[in-house]
Amino acid sequence: MKYGSFAGDIYGVHKIFGDLPPFIEEPEKFLSNNMPRCDVIIAIGLHSDLLSALPSVAKESKAKAVIVPIEDKNWCPISVKRRLMEDLVKINVEYAFPKPFCSLEGDGQPALEEFVRRSRIGRPLIGVEIKEGFISNAFVLRSAPCGSTWYVAQCIKGKKISKIEDVVTVAHHSYPCTASMEIDPELNDAILHKAGYTIREVVKDAIERAITIK
């Protein structure tokens, strides 16, 4: 199944270069002065002080939603997340703080639901075909943003269902997951581990659906 290209959906990319100070008092100085109009803003790996400027950036760009992926505990501390949620609610902008990025779901928010549906990235969704206790085919319906879902789908083809959890675990650890191995205080576990649990659940659900349909 082909995804096609979504390059036309990207209205702008703003990169922040150089060594940033430990504390940033005026984050707006580091962000673009000419933000393009868009529906969704994705802030990846920004200095936590820069995140405080996201509500003003969202207002300027007329954005409907803001996504702040958290692949590392330092990307968005809990206190910053809470403040951002309050500020975004005040200006009626949807938000998501997926930890890790592959846990992203729309959660009933219209703009985010449309983003996940259209781009087909977020919490993975896989379909499988089963024959005589083996996975005869696997295809990606929605991929993790890092692309690992495609790799896992290839790895589980031809594998025995009874051994599939071990196969998925090895495949996930073989792919360069972007989530941190450090213990996250909110999860009380490594974010990378949560990514691993997620893809195992996804494959298990796909197998259960295939068996039910059969």
N, C-alpha and C. Protein backbone atom coordinates (compact mmCIF):
# COMPACT_ATOMS: atom_id res chain seq x y z
N MET A 1 0.84 -1.19 0.00
CA MET A 1 0.00 0.00 0.00
C MET A 1 0.88 1.26 0.00
N LYS A 2 0.63 2.13 -0.97
CA LYS A 2 1.46 3.32 -1.10
C LYS A 2 0.83 4.51 -0.39
N TYR A 3 1.68 5.31 0.23
CA TYR A 3 1.22 6.51 0.92
C TYR A 3 1.15 7.70 -0.02
N GLY A 4 2.05 7.75 -0.99
CA GLY A 4 2.16 8.94 -1.82
C GLY A 4 2.98 10.00 -1.11
N SER A 5 2.98 11.21 -1.65
CA SER A 5 3.77 12.29 -1.08
C SER A 5 2.87 13.32 -0.38
N PHE A 6 3.34 13.79 0.78
CA PHE A 6 2.63 14.83 1.52
C PHE A 6 3.43 16.12 1.58
N ALA A 7 4.43 16.22 0.71
CA ALA A 7 5.30 17.41 0.71
C ALA A 7 4.50 18.69 0.50
N GLY A 8 3.45 18.60 -0.28
CA GLY A 8 2.64 19.78 -0.56
C GLY A 8 1.88 20.29 0.65
N ASP A 9 1.80 19.47 1.70
CA ASP A 9 1.10 19.88 2.91
C ASP A 9 1.98 20.70 3.86
N ILE A 10 3.28 20.73 3.56
CA ILE A 10 4.22 21.45 4.43
C ILE A 10 4.28 22.91 3.99
N TYR A 11 3.86 23.81 4.85
CA TYR A 11 3.81 25.23 4.52
C TYR A 11 5.05 25.99 4.96
N GLY A 12 5.84 25.38 5.82
CA GLY A 12 7.06 26.06 6.26
C GLY A 12 7.82 25.22 7.27
N VAL A 13 9.13 25.40 7.30
CA VAL A 13 9.99 24.73 8.27
C VAL A 13 10.92 25.79 8.87
N HIS A 14 10.95 25.88 10.17
CA HIS A 14 11.82 26.84 10.83
C HIS A 14 12.79 26.08 11.72
N LYS A 15 14.07 26.12 11.37
CA LYS A 15 15.09 25.43 12.14
C LYS A 15 15.80 26.43 13.06
N ILE A 16 16.16 25.96 14.23
CA ILE A 16 16.88 26.80 15.18
C ILE A 16 18.28 26.24 15.35
N PHE A 17 19.27 27.02 14.94
CA PHE A 17 20.66 26.56 14.96
C PHE A 17 21.45 27.21 16.10
N GLY A 18 22.62 26.65 16.33
CA GLY A 18 23.55 27.25 17.29
C GLY A 18 23.32 26.80 18.72
N ASP A 19 24.26 27.16 19.57
CA ASP A 19 24.16 26.84 20.98
C ASP A 19 23.23 27.83 21.68
N LEU A 20 22.23 27.31 22.33
CA LEU A 20 21.28 28.17 23.03
C LEU A 20 21.66 28.27 24.49
N PRO A 21 21.38 29.40 25.11
CA PRO A 21 21.68 29.56 26.54
C PRO A 21 20.79 28.64 27.38
N PRO A 22 21.20 28.33 28.60
CA PRO A 22 20.39 27.46 29.48
C PRO A 22 18.99 28.02 29.71
N PHE A 23 18.90 29.35 29.82
CA PHE A 23 17.61 30.00 30.04
C PHE A 23 17.38 31.05 28.96
N ILE A 24 16.19 31.04 28.38
CA ILE A 24 15.85 31.99 27.32
C ILE A 24 14.69 32.85 27.80
N GLU A 25 14.95 34.13 28.00
CA GLU A 25 13.93 35.04 28.54
C GLU A 25 13.00 35.59 27.45
N GLU A 26 13.50 35.70 26.22
CA GLU A 26 12.68 36.22 25.13
C GLU A 26 12.67 35.23 23.98
N PRO A 27 11.90 34.17 24.11
CA PRO A 27 11.89 33.09 23.09
C PRO A 27 11.48 33.56 21.70
N GLU A 28 10.67 34.60 21.63
CA GLU A 28 10.20 35.08 20.32
C GLU A 28 11.35 35.48 19.41
N LYS A 29 12.49 35.90 20.00
CA LYS A 29 13.63 36.33 19.19
C LYS A 29 14.23 35.17 18.38
N PHE A 30 14.01 33.95 18.83
CA PHE A 30 14.60 32.79 18.16
C PHE A 30 13.65 32.16 17.15
N LEU A 31 12.42 32.66 17.09
CA LEU A 31 11.43 32.09 16.19
C LEU A 31 11.21 33.00 14.99
N SER A 32 10.59 32.46 13.98
CA SER A 32 10.37 33.20 12.74
C SER A 32 9.46 34.40 12.97
N ASN A 33 9.78 35.52 12.30
CA ASN A 33 8.94 36.72 12.37
C ASN A 33 7.85 36.71 11.31
N ASN A 34 7.90 35.71 10.45
CA ASN A 34 6.93 35.65 9.35
C ASN A 34 6.40 34.23 9.23
N MET A 35 5.60 33.83 10.20
CA MET A 35 5.06 32.48 10.21
C MET A 35 3.99 32.31 9.15
N PRO A 36 4.07 31.28 8.32
CA PRO A 36 3.04 31.08 7.30
C PRO A 36 1.74 30.59 7.94
N ARG A 37 0.64 30.86 7.29
CA ARG A 37 -0.64 30.38 7.80
C ARG A 37 -0.70 28.86 7.62
N CYS A 38 -1.17 28.17 8.63
CA CYS A 38 -1.22 26.70 8.55
C CYS A 38 -2.28 26.18 9.51
N ASP A 39 -2.57 24.88 9.41
CA ASP A 39 -3.56 24.26 10.28
C ASP A 39 -2.95 23.64 11.53
N VAL A 40 -1.76 23.05 11.35
CA VAL A 40 -1.12 22.33 12.46
C VAL A 40 0.35 22.73 12.59
N ILE A 41 0.79 22.99 13.81
CA ILE A 41 2.20 23.27 14.09
C ILE A 41 2.78 22.07 14.83
N ILE A 42 3.94 21.59 14.37
CA ILE A 42 4.63 20.50 15.06
C ILE A 42 5.96 21.03 15.57
N ALA A 43 6.13 21.03 16.87
CA ALA A 43 7.36 21.55 17.49
C ALA A 43 8.18 20.37 18.00
N ILE A 44 9.27 20.07 17.31
CA ILE A 44 10.06 18.87 17.63
C ILE A 44 11.41 19.24 18.23
N GLY A 45 11.66 18.75 19.43
CA GLY A 45 12.97 18.89 20.07
C GLY A 45 13.40 20.32 20.36
N LEU A 46 12.45 21.20 20.62
CA LEU A 46 12.81 22.59 20.91
C LEU A 46 13.26 22.74 22.37
N HIS A 47 14.10 23.74 22.60
CA HIS A 47 14.45 24.14 23.95
C HIS A 47 13.14 24.40 24.70
N SER A 48 13.03 23.92 25.92
CA SER A 48 11.76 24.04 26.66
C SER A 48 11.30 25.48 26.82
N ASP A 49 12.23 26.43 26.90
CA ASP A 49 11.83 27.83 27.03
C ASP A 49 11.20 28.36 25.74
N LEU A 50 11.61 27.80 24.61
CA LEU A 50 11.03 28.24 23.34
C LEU A 50 9.59 27.78 23.19
N LEU A 51 9.25 26.69 23.85
CA LEU A 51 7.89 26.17 23.75
C LEU A 51 6.87 27.18 24.28
N SER A 52 7.29 28.01 25.21
CA SER A 52 6.36 28.99 25.79
C SER A 52 5.83 29.98 24.76
N ALA A 53 6.53 30.10 23.64
CA ALA A 53 6.10 31.03 22.59
C ALA A 53 5.11 30.40 21.62
N LEU A 54 4.85 29.10 21.75
CA LEU A 54 3.98 28.42 20.80
C LEU A 54 2.56 29.01 20.72
N PRO A 55 1.93 29.39 21.82
CA PRO A 55 0.60 29.99 21.70
C PRO A 55 0.59 31.24 20.82
N SER A 56 1.60 32.09 20.96
CA SER A 56 1.64 33.31 20.12
C SER A 56 1.92 32.95 18.67
N VAL A 57 2.74 31.93 18.45
CA VAL A 57 3.02 31.47 17.09
C VAL A 57 1.74 30.90 16.47
N ALA A 58 0.99 30.14 17.27
CA ALA A 58 -0.27 29.56 16.78
C ALA A 58 -1.27 30.65 16.40
N LYS A 59 -1.34 31.71 17.20
CA LYS A 59 -2.25 32.81 16.90
C LYS A 59 -1.84 33.49 15.60
N GLU A 60 -0.54 33.73 15.44
CA GLU A 60 -0.06 34.41 14.24
C GLU A 60 -0.32 33.61 12.98
N SER A 61 -0.16 32.30 13.07
CA SER A 61 -0.30 31.45 11.89
C SER A 61 -1.73 30.94 11.70
N LYS A 62 -2.63 31.32 12.61
CA LYS A 62 -4.03 30.88 12.55
C LYS A 62 -4.15 29.36 12.66
N ALA A 63 -3.22 28.75 13.36
CA ALA A 63 -3.21 27.29 13.48
C ALA A 63 -4.40 26.80 14.30
N LYS A 64 -4.87 25.61 13.94
CA LYS A 64 -5.98 25.00 14.67
C LYS A 64 -5.48 24.04 15.75
N ALA A 65 -4.23 23.59 15.60
CA ALA A 65 -3.70 22.61 16.55
C ALA A 65 -2.19 22.71 16.66
N VAL A 66 -1.68 22.30 17.81
CA VAL A 66 -0.24 22.27 18.07
C VAL A 66 0.12 20.87 18.57
N ILE A 67 1.16 20.30 17.97
CA ILE A 67 1.66 18.99 18.40
C ILE A 67 3.07 19.15 18.92
N VAL A 68 3.30 18.70 20.14
CA VAL A 68 4.64 18.74 20.74
C VAL A 68 5.05 17.31 21.09
N PRO A 69 5.70 16.61 20.16
CA PRO A 69 6.13 15.24 20.45
C PRO A 69 7.16 15.24 21.57
N ILE A 70 7.12 14.23 22.43
CA ILE A 70 8.07 14.13 23.53
C ILE A 70 8.80 12.79 23.42
N GLU A 71 9.98 12.83 22.83
CA GLU A 71 10.80 11.64 22.67
C GLU A 71 11.86 11.54 23.77
N ASP A 72 11.99 12.62 24.52
CA ASP A 72 12.97 12.70 25.61
C ASP A 72 12.33 13.53 26.72
N LYS A 73 12.57 13.14 27.97
CA LYS A 73 11.94 13.83 29.10
C LYS A 73 12.28 15.32 29.16
N ASN A 74 13.42 15.71 28.58
CA ASN A 74 13.85 17.11 28.61
C ASN A 74 13.20 17.96 27.52
N TRP A 75 12.54 17.31 26.56
CA TRP A 75 11.94 18.07 25.48
C TRP A 75 10.80 18.96 25.96
N CYS A 76 10.02 18.45 26.90
CA CYS A 76 8.88 19.22 27.39
C CYS A 76 8.57 18.80 28.83
N PRO A 77 9.21 19.46 29.80
CA PRO A 77 8.95 19.13 31.21
C PRO A 77 7.47 19.25 31.55
N ILE A 78 7.03 18.54 32.55
CA ILE A 78 5.62 18.51 32.93
C ILE A 78 5.07 19.91 33.21
N SER A 79 5.86 20.75 33.90
CA SER A 79 5.39 22.11 34.23
C SER A 79 5.16 22.94 32.96
N VAL A 80 6.04 22.78 31.98
CA VAL A 80 5.90 23.50 30.71
C VAL A 80 4.66 23.00 29.96
N LYS A 81 4.47 21.70 29.98
CA LYS A 81 3.31 21.09 29.31
C LYS A 81 2.01 21.62 29.89
N ARG A 82 1.92 21.68 31.21
CA ARG A 82 0.69 22.16 31.85
C ARG A 82 0.40 23.61 31.51
N ARG A 83 1.44 24.43 31.50
CA ARG A 83 1.26 25.85 31.18
C ARG A 83 0.82 26.02 29.73
N LEU A 84 1.42 25.24 28.85
CA LEU A 84 1.06 25.31 27.43
C LEU A 84 -0.39 24.89 27.21
N MET A 85 -0.80 23.83 27.89
CA MET A 85 -2.18 23.37 27.76
C MET A 85 -3.16 24.48 28.16
N GLU A 86 -2.86 25.15 29.26
CA GLU A 86 -3.73 26.24 29.72
C GLU A 86 -3.77 27.38 28.71
N ASP A 87 -2.60 27.74 28.19
CA ASP A 87 -2.53 28.87 27.25
C ASP A 87 -3.20 28.55 25.92
N LEU A 88 -3.08 27.31 25.47
CA LEU A 88 -3.69 26.92 24.19
C LEU A 88 -5.21 26.82 24.31
N VAL A 89 -5.68 26.37 25.46
CA VAL A 89 -7.13 26.32 25.69
C VAL A 89 -7.72 27.73 25.62
N LYS A 90 -7.01 28.69 26.16
CA LYS A 90 -7.49 30.08 26.18
C LYS A 90 -7.70 30.64 24.78
N ILE A 91 -6.89 30.20 23.83
CA ILE A 91 -7.02 30.72 22.46
C ILE A 91 -7.71 29.72 21.54
N ASN A 92 -8.32 28.68 22.16
CA ASN A 92 -9.12 27.71 21.41
C ASN A 92 -8.30 26.96 20.35
N VAL A 93 -7.10 26.54 20.73
CA VAL A 93 -6.24 25.76 19.83
C VAL A 93 -6.09 24.35 20.40
N GLU A 94 -6.31 23.35 19.57
CA GLU A 94 -6.18 21.96 20.00
C GLU A 94 -4.70 21.64 20.27
N TYR A 95 -4.46 20.63 21.08
CA TYR A 95 -3.07 20.28 21.38
C TYR A 95 -2.91 18.78 21.62
N ALA A 96 -1.68 18.33 21.41
CA ALA A 96 -1.31 16.94 21.71
C ALA A 96 0.15 16.92 22.12
N PHE A 97 0.44 16.14 23.15
CA PHE A 97 1.81 15.98 23.63
C PHE A 97 2.14 14.48 23.64
N PRO A 98 2.19 13.86 22.45
CA PRO A 98 2.40 12.42 22.39
C PRO A 98 3.77 12.00 22.93
N LYS A 99 3.77 11.04 23.82
CA LYS A 99 5.00 10.56 24.43
C LYS A 99 5.01 9.05 24.35
N PRO A 100 5.69 8.46 23.39
CA PRO A 100 6.47 9.05 22.30
C PRO A 100 5.56 9.51 21.15
N PHE A 101 6.18 10.00 20.08
CA PHE A 101 5.43 10.53 18.94
C PHE A 101 4.49 9.47 18.37
N CYS A 102 4.89 8.19 18.43
CA CYS A 102 4.08 7.11 17.86
C CYS A 102 2.86 6.78 18.71
N SER A 103 2.59 7.57 19.75
CA SER A 103 1.36 7.39 20.53
C SER A 103 0.31 8.43 20.13
N LEU A 104 0.62 9.25 19.13
CA LEU A 104 -0.28 10.32 18.71
C LEU A 104 -1.62 9.79 18.20
N GLU A 105 -2.69 10.32 18.78
CA GLU A 105 -4.04 10.06 18.29
C GLU A 105 -4.82 11.36 18.35
N GLY A 106 -5.89 11.44 17.59
CA GLY A 106 -6.65 12.68 17.55
C GLY A 106 -7.43 12.95 18.82
N ASP A 107 -7.80 11.89 19.54
CA ASP A 107 -8.54 12.03 20.80
C ASP A 107 -9.78 12.91 20.68
N GLY A 108 -10.47 12.79 19.57
CA GLY A 108 -11.72 13.51 19.40
C GLY A 108 -11.58 14.98 19.03
N GLN A 109 -10.36 15.45 18.84
CA GLN A 109 -10.15 16.85 18.45
C GLN A 109 -10.15 16.93 16.92
N PRO A 110 -11.06 17.67 16.34
CA PRO A 110 -11.27 17.66 14.88
C PRO A 110 -10.02 17.89 14.04
N ALA A 111 -9.26 18.93 14.33
CA ALA A 111 -8.07 19.23 13.51
C ALA A 111 -7.02 18.14 13.64
N LEU A 112 -6.83 17.63 14.84
CA LEU A 112 -5.84 16.57 15.05
C LEU A 112 -6.32 15.25 14.44
N GLU A 113 -7.61 14.98 14.54
CA GLU A 113 -8.16 13.78 13.91
C GLU A 113 -7.92 13.82 12.40
N GLU A 114 -8.14 14.99 11.81
CA GLU A 114 -7.93 15.14 10.37
C GLU A 114 -6.46 15.01 10.00
N PHE A 115 -5.57 15.56 10.85
CA PHE A 115 -4.14 15.44 10.60
C PHE A 115 -3.71 13.98 10.59
N VAL A 116 -4.12 13.23 11.59
CA VAL A 116 -3.76 11.81 11.67
C VAL A 116 -4.34 11.03 10.50
N ARG A 117 -5.60 11.34 10.16
CA ARG A 117 -6.25 10.63 9.05
C ARG A 117 -5.58 10.93 7.71
N ARG A 118 -5.30 12.20 7.49
CA ARG A 118 -4.74 12.61 6.19
C ARG A 118 -3.29 12.17 6.02
N SER A 119 -2.46 12.43 7.03
CA SER A 119 -1.03 12.12 6.91
C SER A 119 -0.74 10.65 7.20
N ARG A 120 -1.68 9.99 7.87
CA ARG A 120 -1.54 8.57 8.20
C ARG A 120 -0.27 8.30 9.00
N ILE A 121 -0.01 9.17 9.95
CA ILE A 121 1.06 8.93 10.91
C ILE A 121 0.49 9.13 12.32
N GLY A 122 1.12 8.50 13.29
CA GLY A 122 0.67 8.58 14.66
C GLY A 122 0.77 7.20 15.28
N ARG A 123 -0.21 6.83 16.10
CA ARG A 123 -0.20 5.48 16.66
C ARG A 123 -0.38 4.50 15.51
N PRO A 124 0.55 3.57 15.33
CA PRO A 124 0.52 2.68 14.16
C PRO A 124 -0.77 1.88 14.04
N LEU A 125 -1.08 1.53 12.82
CA LEU A 125 -2.20 0.66 12.51
C LEU A 125 -1.74 -0.29 11.40
N ILE A 126 -1.77 -1.56 11.69
CA ILE A 126 -1.29 -2.57 10.75
C ILE A 126 -2.41 -3.55 10.42
N GLY A 127 -2.41 -4.03 9.20
CA GLY A 127 -3.33 -5.10 8.80
C GLY A 127 -2.51 -6.33 8.46
N VAL A 128 -3.02 -7.51 8.79
CA VAL A 128 -2.30 -8.74 8.47
C VAL A 128 -3.24 -9.76 7.86
N GLU A 129 -2.65 -10.70 7.14
CA GLU A 129 -3.37 -11.86 6.64
C GLU A 129 -2.72 -13.10 7.25
N ILE A 130 -3.56 -14.05 7.64
CA ILE A 130 -3.06 -15.23 8.35
C ILE A 130 -3.39 -16.49 7.57
N LYS A 131 -2.41 -17.40 7.54
CA LYS A 131 -2.61 -18.68 6.87
C LYS A 131 -1.88 -19.77 7.66
N GLU A 132 -2.66 -20.72 8.14
CA GLU A 132 -2.12 -21.88 8.85
C GLU A 132 -1.20 -21.50 10.01
N GLY A 133 -1.63 -20.51 10.79
CA GLY A 133 -0.86 -20.13 11.96
C GLY A 133 0.32 -19.21 11.71
N PHE A 134 0.47 -18.77 10.47
CA PHE A 134 1.56 -17.88 10.10
C PHE A 134 0.99 -16.58 9.53
N ILE A 135 1.74 -15.49 9.66
CA ILE A 135 1.35 -14.23 9.03
C ILE A 135 1.83 -14.28 7.58
N SER A 136 0.88 -14.41 6.67
CA SER A 136 1.24 -14.53 5.25
C SER A 136 1.48 -13.18 4.59
N ASN A 137 0.88 -12.14 5.17
CA ASN A 137 1.08 -10.80 4.61
C ASN A 137 0.83 -9.76 5.71
N ALA A 138 1.49 -8.62 5.59
CA ALA A 138 1.31 -7.52 6.54
C ALA A 138 1.43 -6.21 5.79
N PHE A 139 0.56 -5.26 6.12
CA PHE A 139 0.59 -3.97 5.42
C PHE A 139 0.30 -2.85 6.40
N VAL A 140 0.88 -1.70 6.11
CA VAL A 140 0.77 -0.53 6.99
C VAL A 140 -0.40 0.34 6.59
N LEU A 141 -1.29 0.58 7.54
CA LEU A 141 -2.42 1.48 7.33
C LEU A 141 -2.13 2.87 7.89
N ARG A 142 -1.37 2.89 8.98
CA ARG A 142 -0.91 4.15 9.57
C ARG A 142 0.45 3.87 10.22
N SER A 143 1.41 4.73 9.95
CA SER A 143 2.78 4.48 10.41
C SER A 143 3.18 5.34 11.59
N ALA A 144 4.09 4.83 12.40
CA ALA A 144 4.76 5.66 13.39
C ALA A 144 5.50 6.74 12.62
N PRO A 145 5.58 7.97 13.14
CA PRO A 145 6.27 9.05 12.44
C PRO A 145 7.70 8.72 12.04
N CYS A 146 8.39 7.88 12.81
CA CYS A 146 9.78 7.54 12.50
C CYS A 146 9.90 6.54 11.36
N GLY A 147 8.79 5.90 10.98
CA GLY A 147 8.82 4.94 9.88
C GLY A 147 9.05 3.50 10.30
N SER A 148 9.19 3.24 11.59
CA SER A 148 9.52 1.89 12.04
C SER A 148 8.43 0.87 11.73
N THR A 149 7.20 1.33 11.59
CA THR A 149 6.08 0.41 11.34
C THR A 149 6.29 -0.36 10.05
N TRP A 150 6.86 0.29 9.06
CA TRP A 150 7.12 -0.38 7.78
C TRP A 150 8.14 -1.52 7.98
N TYR A 151 9.14 -1.26 8.78
CA TYR A 151 10.17 -2.27 9.04
C TYR A 151 9.57 -3.45 9.80
N VAL A 152 8.79 -3.17 10.82
CA VAL A 152 8.17 -4.23 11.60
C VAL A 152 7.23 -5.07 10.73
N ALA A 153 6.47 -4.41 9.86
CA ALA A 153 5.55 -5.12 8.98
C ALA A 153 6.29 -6.12 8.09
N GLN A 154 7.46 -5.72 7.61
CA GLN A 154 8.26 -6.63 6.79
C GLN A 154 8.79 -7.80 7.62
N CYS A 155 9.18 -7.49 8.85
CA CYS A 155 9.79 -8.52 9.71
C CYS A 155 8.80 -9.60 10.15
N ILE A 156 7.52 -9.25 10.28
CA ILE A 156 6.57 -10.24 10.77
C ILE A 156 6.00 -11.13 9.67
N LYS A 157 6.24 -10.78 8.42
CA LYS A 157 5.75 -11.61 7.32
C LYS A 157 6.40 -12.99 7.37
N GLY A 158 5.59 -14.01 7.26
CA GLY A 158 6.10 -15.38 7.25
C GLY A 158 6.42 -15.94 8.62
N LYS A 159 6.14 -15.17 9.67
CA LYS A 159 6.46 -15.62 11.03
C LYS A 159 5.26 -16.28 11.69
N LYS A 160 5.55 -17.20 12.60
CA LYS A 160 4.52 -17.94 13.32
C LYS A 160 3.86 -17.03 14.35
N ILE A 161 2.53 -17.09 14.42
CA ILE A 161 1.79 -16.23 15.33
C ILE A 161 2.20 -16.46 16.78
N SER A 162 2.43 -17.70 17.15
CA SER A 162 2.78 -18.01 18.54
C SER A 162 4.11 -17.40 18.97
N LYS A 163 4.94 -17.01 18.02
CA LYS A 163 6.26 -16.45 18.33
C LYS A 163 6.35 -14.96 18.00
N ILE A 164 5.20 -14.37 17.65
CA ILE A 164 5.23 -13.04 17.06
C ILE A 164 5.69 -11.95 18.02
N GLU A 165 5.42 -12.09 19.32
CA GLU A 165 5.83 -11.05 20.26
C GLU A 165 7.34 -10.89 20.28
N ASP A 166 8.05 -12.01 20.27
CA ASP A 166 9.52 -11.95 20.25
C ASP A 166 10.02 -11.34 18.95
N VAL A 167 9.35 -11.66 17.85
CA VAL A 167 9.75 -11.13 16.54
C VAL A 167 9.59 -9.61 16.52
N VAL A 168 8.47 -9.12 17.03
CA VAL A 168 8.21 -7.68 17.05
C VAL A 168 9.21 -6.96 17.96
N THR A 169 9.50 -7.56 19.11
CA THR A 169 10.46 -6.95 20.05
C THR A 169 11.83 -6.79 19.41
N VAL A 170 12.30 -7.83 18.74
CA VAL A 170 13.61 -7.79 18.08
C VAL A 170 13.59 -6.76 16.95
N ALA A 171 12.51 -6.73 16.18
CA ALA A 171 12.41 -5.79 15.06
C ALA A 171 12.44 -4.35 15.56
N HIS A 172 11.70 -4.07 16.62
CA HIS A 172 11.67 -2.71 17.16
C HIS A 172 13.03 -2.28 17.67
N HIS A 173 13.72 -3.17 18.35
CA HIS A 173 15.04 -2.82 18.88
C HIS A 173 16.09 -2.72 17.77
N SER A 174 15.82 -3.35 16.64
CA SER A 174 16.77 -3.29 15.52
C SER A 174 16.64 -1.99 14.74
N TYR A 175 15.46 -1.38 14.82
CA TYR A 175 15.22 -0.13 14.10
C TYR A 175 15.68 1.04 14.99
N PRO A 176 16.25 2.10 14.41
CA PRO A 176 16.72 3.24 15.22
C PRO A 176 15.58 4.08 15.78
N CYS A 177 14.94 3.58 16.83
CA CYS A 177 13.85 4.32 17.50
C CYS A 177 14.40 5.65 18.00
N THR A 178 13.63 6.71 17.84
CA THR A 178 14.08 8.04 18.23
C THR A 178 13.77 8.37 19.69
N ALA A 179 13.09 7.49 20.39
CA ALA A 179 12.73 7.74 21.79
C ALA A 179 13.92 7.45 22.72
N SER A 180 13.93 8.15 23.83
CA SER A 180 15.02 8.05 24.79
C SER A 180 14.94 6.79 25.65
N MET A 181 16.11 6.32 26.08
CA MET A 181 16.19 5.18 26.99
C MET A 181 16.22 5.63 28.44
N GLU A 182 16.28 6.94 28.68
CA GLU A 182 16.28 7.44 30.06
C GLU A 182 14.89 7.27 30.68
N ILE A 183 14.87 7.05 31.99
CA ILE A 183 13.59 6.90 32.68
C ILE A 183 12.85 8.23 32.72
N ASP A 184 11.62 8.21 32.27
CA ASP A 184 10.78 9.41 32.28
C ASP A 184 9.97 9.41 33.58
N PRO A 185 9.99 10.51 34.34
CA PRO A 185 9.30 10.55 35.63
C PRO A 185 7.79 10.39 35.52
N GLU A 186 7.21 10.80 34.41
CA GLU A 186 5.76 10.70 34.24
C GLU A 186 5.34 9.26 33.94
N LEU A 187 6.16 8.55 33.16
CA LEU A 187 5.87 7.16 32.80
C LEU A 187 6.45 6.17 33.80
N ASN A 188 7.47 6.62 34.54
CA ASN A 188 8.24 5.72 35.40
C ASN A 188 8.83 4.57 34.58
N ASP A 189 9.20 4.90 33.37
CA ASP A 189 9.78 3.93 32.44
C ASP A 189 10.45 4.72 31.32
N ALA A 190 11.22 4.03 30.49
CA ALA A 190 11.84 4.69 29.35
C ALA A 190 10.79 4.93 28.26
N ILE A 191 10.87 6.07 27.60
CA ILE A 191 9.92 6.36 26.52
C ILE A 191 10.08 5.35 25.39
N LEU A 192 11.31 4.91 25.16
CA LEU A 192 11.55 3.89 24.13
C LEU A 192 10.78 2.61 24.46
N HIS A 193 10.72 2.25 25.74
CA HIS A 193 9.98 1.05 26.12
C HIS A 193 8.49 1.19 25.79
N LYS A 194 7.95 2.40 26.02
CA LYS A 194 6.54 2.61 25.70
C LYS A 194 6.30 2.43 24.20
N ALA A 195 7.25 2.89 23.39
CA ALA A 195 7.14 2.70 21.94
C ALA A 195 7.12 1.22 21.60
N GLY A 196 7.94 0.45 22.31
CA GLY A 196 7.98 -0.99 22.09
C GLY A 196 6.69 -1.66 22.49
N TYR A 197 6.12 -1.25 23.64
CA TYR A 197 4.84 -1.82 24.07
C TYR A 197 3.75 -1.51 23.05
N THR A 198 3.80 -0.29 22.52
CA THR A 198 2.77 0.14 21.57
C THR A 198 2.76 -0.72 20.31
N ILE A 199 3.93 -0.94 19.71
CA ILE A 199 3.95 -1.71 18.45
C ILE A 199 3.58 -3.16 18.69
N ARG A 200 3.89 -3.70 19.87
CA ARG A 200 3.48 -5.07 20.17
C ARG A 200 1.95 -5.16 20.27
N GLU A 201 1.34 -4.15 20.91
CA GLU A 201 -0.12 -4.11 21.01
C GLU A 201 -0.76 -3.98 19.63
N VAL A 202 -0.13 -3.17 18.79
CA VAL A 202 -0.65 -2.93 17.44
C VAL A 202 -0.67 -4.22 16.63
N VAL A 203 0.42 -4.97 16.69
CA VAL A 203 0.49 -6.23 15.94
C VAL A 203 -0.49 -7.25 16.52
N LYS A 204 -0.59 -7.30 17.84
CA LYS A 204 -1.53 -8.21 18.49
C LYS A 204 -2.96 -7.91 18.06
N ASP A 205 -3.31 -6.61 18.03
CA ASP A 205 -4.66 -6.21 17.62
C ASP A 205 -4.92 -6.59 16.17
N ALA A 206 -3.90 -6.44 15.33
CA ALA A 206 -4.06 -6.77 13.90
C ALA A 206 -4.32 -8.27 13.72
N ILE A 207 -3.63 -9.08 14.51
CA ILE A 207 -3.82 -10.53 14.44
C ILE A 207 -5.23 -10.90 14.90
N GLU A 208 -5.67 -10.29 16.00
CA GLU A 208 -7.01 -10.57 16.53
C GLU A 208 -8.09 -10.19 15.53
N ARG A 209 -7.91 -9.05 14.83
CA ARG A 209 -8.88 -8.65 13.83
C ARG A 209 -8.92 -9.64 12.67
N ALA A 210 -7.74 -10.08 12.25
CA ALA A 210 -7.67 -11.02 11.14
C ALA A 210 -8.33 -12.34 11.49
N ILE A 211 -8.15 -12.80 12.72
CA ILE A 211 -8.75 -14.06 13.15
C ILE A 211 -10.26 -13.91 13.23
N THR A 212 -10.74 -12.77 13.74
CA THR A 212 -12.17 -12.53 13.85
C THR A 212 -12.84 -12.49 12.49
N ILE A 213 -12.20 -11.82 11.54
CA ILE A 213 -12.75 -11.73 10.18
C ILE A 213 -12.81 -13.09 9.52
N LYS A 214 -11.77 -13.89 9.80
CA LYS A 214 -11.69 -15.21 9.20
C LYS A 214 -12.80 -16.11 9.72
